[in-house]
Amino acid sequence: MRKAGTHCQGVESAADAAASVFAEADTTDAVESRLADAMEWWNRHTRWE
């Protein structure tokens, strides 16, 4: 149960972070750039090797 709760909190945090990316970005290019950075970070931290 605890692990599931932690996972849910992580998902909520990721959703909040994504929302802030869009809220703070002034242009489409800025959104794409920050989204690409977020995707890169996510990929680095979620490898299942």
Protein backbone atom coordinates (compact mmCIF):
# COMPACT_ATOMS: atom_id res chain seq x y z
CA MET A 1 0.00 0.00 0.00
CA ARG A 2 2.73 2.43 0.91
CA LYS A 3 4.50 1.91 -2.41
CA ALA A 4 1.26 2.52 -4.32
CA GLY A 5 0.68 5.72 -2.35
CA THR A 6 4.18 6.91 -3.12
CA HIS A 7 3.63 6.13 -6.80
CA CYS A 8 0.38 8.10 -6.80
CA GLN A 9 2.10 11.06 -5.17
CA GLY A 10 4.83 10.84 -7.82
CA VAL A 11 2.23 10.89 -10.57
CA GLU A 12 0.50 13.89 -8.99
CA SER A 13 3.83 15.68 -8.67
CA ALA A 14 4.60 14.96 -12.32
CA ALA A 15 1.18 16.30 -13.33
CA ASP A 16 1.74 19.44 -11.26
CA ALA A 17 5.17 19.91 -12.82
CA ALA A 18 3.72 19.51 -16.31
CA ALA A 19 0.97 22.02 -15.52
CA SER A 20 3.57 24.53 -14.32
CA VAL A 21 5.55 24.07 -17.53
CA PHE A 22 2.52 25.12 -19.56
CA ALA A 23 1.50 27.86 -17.14
CA GLU A 24 4.94 29.49 -17.15
CA ALA A 25 5.77 29.11 -20.84
CA ASP A 26 5.03 32.09 -23.06
CA THR A 27 5.47 30.40 -26.43
CA THR A 28 4.99 27.02 -28.04
CA ASP A 29 8.76 26.72 -28.46
CA ALA A 30 9.24 27.28 -24.74
CA VAL A 31 6.65 24.61 -23.93
CA GLU A 32 8.30 22.14 -26.31
CA SER A 33 11.73 22.86 -24.87
CA ARG A 34 10.67 22.45 -21.26
CA LEU A 35 8.59 19.38 -22.08
CA ALA A 36 11.60 17.83 -23.81
CA ASP A 37 13.69 18.55 -20.71
CA ALA A 38 11.04 16.96 -18.50
CA MET A 39 10.84 13.87 -20.73
CA GLU A 40 14.64 13.54 -20.67
CA TRP A 41 14.66 13.79 -16.86
CA TRP A 42 11.84 11.23 -16.60
CA ASN A 43 13.66 8.79 -18.88
CA ARG A 44 16.88 9.12 -16.85
CA HIS A 45 15.10 8.45 -13.56
CA THR A 46 12.68 5.68 -14.54
CA ARG A 47 14.88 3.01 -16.11
CA TRP A 48 13.94 -0.52 -15.07
CA GLU A 49 17.28 -2.25 -15.67
